[in-house]
Amino acid sequence: MSDATESMSLCELIEHIEETHHQFVRLNAPKIVELVNLLLKKHGHIEPNLKPLQLTVQALVEEMMPHLMNEERILFPAIKAMEAGEKLDNSFGDIGNPISNMEHEHKHSGELLLKIRKLSNNYQAPEHACELWINCYQALKEFDIDLQAHIAIENDELFSRTMQQS
């Protein structure tokens, strides 16, 4: 846990996650998809890993968008209500149920990130790489770093503290 987020209430932590990490995903996911698509179009004929890379990035982004919406529309409001001492009026039963689902999705996102790292040689463009290739891998690396931090703050702080308070 970081000192800055440790002292936040659950509501403040949720706001931080949404304003920092969810916003980052929404702004950057379309960009990385576009960059990978352009890279595949330009160099797919010489680099066999670019097609599986494109498919894996696409799968990650396609999973992330509904994941964010489920957190923002279902789980986060329930956590806020719980912290406010309100009775949870939901269809998912115990708060641990949607948390478990989100953790499962986080695990799968982590697996996709590992595959992306492998397919991109840990974001190291080949020596002959053009500017597009370098920029694409840099954008993927930045997305990876943020997503790892995003998952860690949710799993290790928000979800853990929520379960302790439930």
Protein backbone atom coordinates (compact mmCIF):
# COMPACT_ATOMS: atom_id res chain seq x y z
CA MET A 1 0.00 0.00 0.00
CA SER A 2 1.18 3.51 -0.64
CA ASP A 3 1.15 6.06 2.13
CA ALA A 4 -1.04 8.41 0.06
CA THR A 5 -3.80 5.89 -0.54
CA GLU A 6 -3.55 4.17 2.84
CA SER A 7 -5.08 7.15 4.60
CA MET A 8 -7.93 7.56 2.10
CA SER A 9 -11.44 6.49 2.91
CA LEU A 10 -12.90 3.84 0.60
CA CYS A 11 -14.91 6.56 -1.16
CA GLU A 12 -11.77 8.66 -1.67
CA LEU A 13 -9.89 5.61 -2.90
CA ILE A 14 -12.65 4.87 -5.41
CA GLU A 15 -12.54 8.48 -6.66
CA HIS A 16 -8.76 8.19 -7.03
CA ILE A 17 -9.09 4.93 -8.99
CA GLU A 18 -11.73 6.37 -11.31
CA GLU A 19 -9.97 9.70 -11.88
CA THR A 20 -6.51 8.19 -12.31
CA HIS A 21 -6.66 4.65 -13.63
CA HIS A 22 -10.10 4.37 -15.20
CA GLN A 23 -9.56 7.68 -16.98
CA PHE A 24 -6.13 6.47 -18.19
CA VAL A 25 -7.68 3.30 -19.65
CA ARG A 26 -10.46 5.22 -21.39
CA LEU A 27 -8.02 7.70 -22.92
CA ASN A 28 -5.31 5.23 -23.91
CA ALA A 29 -7.08 1.98 -24.82
CA PRO A 30 -8.31 3.28 -28.21
CA LYS A 31 -4.84 4.70 -28.92
CA ILE A 32 -3.02 1.43 -28.28
CA VAL A 33 -5.53 -0.51 -30.39
CA GLU A 34 -5.03 1.96 -33.23
CA LEU A 35 -1.23 1.84 -32.93
CA VAL A 36 -1.13 -1.97 -32.87
CA ASN A 37 -3.49 -2.12 -35.87
CA LEU A 38 -1.27 0.29 -37.80
CA LEU A 39 1.84 -1.65 -36.82
CA LEU A 40 0.27 -4.91 -38.00
CA LYS A 41 -0.78 -3.34 -41.28
CA LYS A 42 2.68 -1.88 -41.89
CA HIS A 43 4.90 -4.71 -40.64
CA GLY A 44 2.72 -7.79 -40.18
CA HIS A 45 4.17 -9.36 -43.30
CA ILE A 46 7.67 -9.43 -41.75
CA GLU A 47 6.91 -9.96 -38.05
CA PRO A 48 4.76 -13.01 -37.22
CA ASN A 49 4.20 -11.93 -33.58
CA LEU A 50 2.30 -8.80 -34.59
CA LYS A 51 -0.97 -10.58 -35.43
CA PRO A 52 -1.16 -12.44 -32.10
CA LEU A 53 -0.08 -9.21 -30.37
CA GLN A 54 -2.92 -7.31 -32.07
CA LEU A 55 -5.44 -10.01 -31.10
CA THR A 56 -4.26 -10.05 -27.48
CA VAL A 57 -4.33 -6.25 -27.14
CA GLN A 58 -7.82 -6.24 -28.67
CA ALA A 59 -8.98 -8.92 -26.23
CA LEU A 60 -7.58 -6.99 -23.27
CA VAL A 61 -9.28 -3.75 -24.29
CA GLU A 62 -12.57 -5.53 -25.03
CA GLU A 63 -12.51 -6.99 -21.51
CA MET A 64 -11.46 -3.76 -19.82
CA MET A 65 -14.32 -1.53 -20.97
CA PRO A 66 -17.22 -3.57 -19.52
CA HIS A 67 -15.06 -4.31 -16.47
CA LEU A 68 -14.73 -0.59 -15.74
CA MET A 69 -18.46 -0.07 -16.22
CA ASN A 70 -19.31 -2.94 -13.84
CA GLU A 71 -17.04 -1.48 -11.20
CA GLU A 72 -18.41 2.03 -11.62
CA ARG A 73 -22.10 1.09 -11.85
CA ILE A 74 -22.34 -1.88 -9.49
CA LEU A 75 -19.40 -2.55 -7.19
CA PHE A 76 -18.17 0.95 -6.39
CA PRO A 77 -21.65 2.30 -5.48
CA ALA A 78 -22.13 -0.74 -3.23
CA ILE A 79 -18.80 -0.10 -1.48
CA LYS A 80 -19.68 3.57 -1.03
CA ALA A 81 -23.08 2.64 0.43
CA MET A 82 -21.48 0.11 2.75
CA GLU A 83 -18.95 2.66 3.97
CA ALA A 84 -21.78 5.14 4.58
CA GLY A 85 -23.52 2.53 6.73
CA GLU A 86 -26.39 2.09 4.31
CA LYS A 87 -28.08 -1.26 3.86
CA LEU A 88 -26.90 -2.87 0.64
CA ASP A 89 -29.81 -3.17 -1.75
CA ASN A 90 -28.41 -5.28 -4.54
CA SER A 91 -28.87 -8.42 -6.52
CA PHE A 92 -25.41 -9.90 -5.93
CA GLY A 93 -25.73 -10.92 -2.28
CA ASP A 94 -22.56 -10.53 -0.26
CA ILE A 95 -20.10 -7.80 -1.34
CA GLY A 96 -17.50 -10.55 -1.67
CA ASN A 97 -19.28 -11.93 -4.73
CA PRO A 98 -18.63 -9.02 -7.12
CA ILE A 99 -15.18 -8.51 -5.58
CA SER A 100 -14.31 -12.14 -6.33
CA ASN A 101 -15.53 -11.65 -9.90
CA MET A 102 -13.43 -8.50 -10.34
CA GLU A 103 -10.35 -10.25 -8.92
CA HIS A 104 -10.88 -13.11 -11.38
CA GLU A 105 -11.06 -10.60 -14.24
CA HIS A 106 -7.93 -8.86 -12.92
CA LYS A 107 -6.11 -12.20 -12.95
CA HIS A 108 -7.10 -12.74 -16.58
CA SER A 109 -5.98 -9.22 -17.50
CA GLY A 110 -2.64 -9.99 -15.87
CA GLU A 111 -2.34 -13.12 -18.00
CA LEU A 112 -3.05 -11.09 -21.14
CA LEU A 113 -0.39 -8.55 -20.10
CA LEU A 114 2.13 -11.37 -19.71
CA LYS A 115 1.30 -12.59 -23.21
CA ILE A 116 1.63 -9.05 -24.60
CA ARG A 117 5.03 -8.68 -22.92
CA LYS A 118 6.18 -11.97 -24.43
CA LEU A 119 4.89 -11.14 -27.92
CA SER A 120 6.53 -7.70 -27.83
CA ASN A 121 9.86 -8.93 -26.41
CA ASN A 122 9.05 -7.01 -23.22
CA TYR A 123 8.31 -3.88 -25.27
CA GLN A 124 11.72 -3.93 -26.95
CA ALA A 125 11.29 -2.98 -30.59
CA PRO A 126 13.69 -4.67 -33.01
CA GLU A 127 16.82 -2.81 -34.13
CA HIS A 128 15.26 -2.10 -37.53
CA ALA A 129 12.09 -0.67 -35.95
CA CYS A 130 10.51 2.48 -37.29
CA GLU A 131 9.12 5.31 -35.15
CA LEU A 132 5.63 3.77 -35.25
CA TRP A 133 6.94 0.51 -33.81
CA ILE A 134 8.88 2.29 -31.06
CA ASN A 135 5.90 4.51 -30.18
CA CYS A 136 3.53 1.55 -30.16
CA TYR A 137 5.68 -0.46 -27.80
CA GLN A 138 6.18 2.56 -25.54
CA ALA A 139 2.41 3.12 -25.38
CA LEU A 140 1.86 -0.57 -24.61
CA LYS A 141 4.49 -0.43 -21.86
CA GLU A 142 2.87 2.64 -20.27
CA PHE A 143 -0.55 0.94 -20.46
CA ASP A 144 0.91 -2.18 -18.83
CA ILE A 145 2.52 -0.18 -15.99
CA ASP A 146 -0.70 1.70 -15.26
CA LEU A 147 -2.85 -1.41 -15.45
CA GLN A 148 -0.56 -3.24 -13.03
CA ALA A 149 -0.81 -0.33 -10.58
CA HIS A 150 -4.57 -0.17 -11.16
CA ILE A 151 -5.05 -3.86 -10.39
CA ALA A 152 -2.78 -3.69 -7.34
CA ILE A 153 -4.59 -0.73 -5.77
CA GLU A 154 -7.96 -2.38 -6.29
CA ASN A 155 -6.99 -5.88 -5.15
CA ASP A 156 -4.57 -4.99 -2.36
CA GLU A 157 -6.22 -1.88 -0.99
CA LEU A 158 -9.81 -1.30 -2.05
CA PHE A 159 -11.02 -4.89 -2.09
CA SER A 160 -8.99 -5.96 0.91
CA ARG A 161 -10.18 -3.05 3.05
CA THR A 162 -13.77 -3.52 1.85
CA MET A 163 -13.75 -7.17 2.90
CA GLN A 164 -12.28 -6.23 6.31
CA GLN A 165 -15.10 -3.73 6.86
CA SER A 166 -17.94 -5.94 5.58
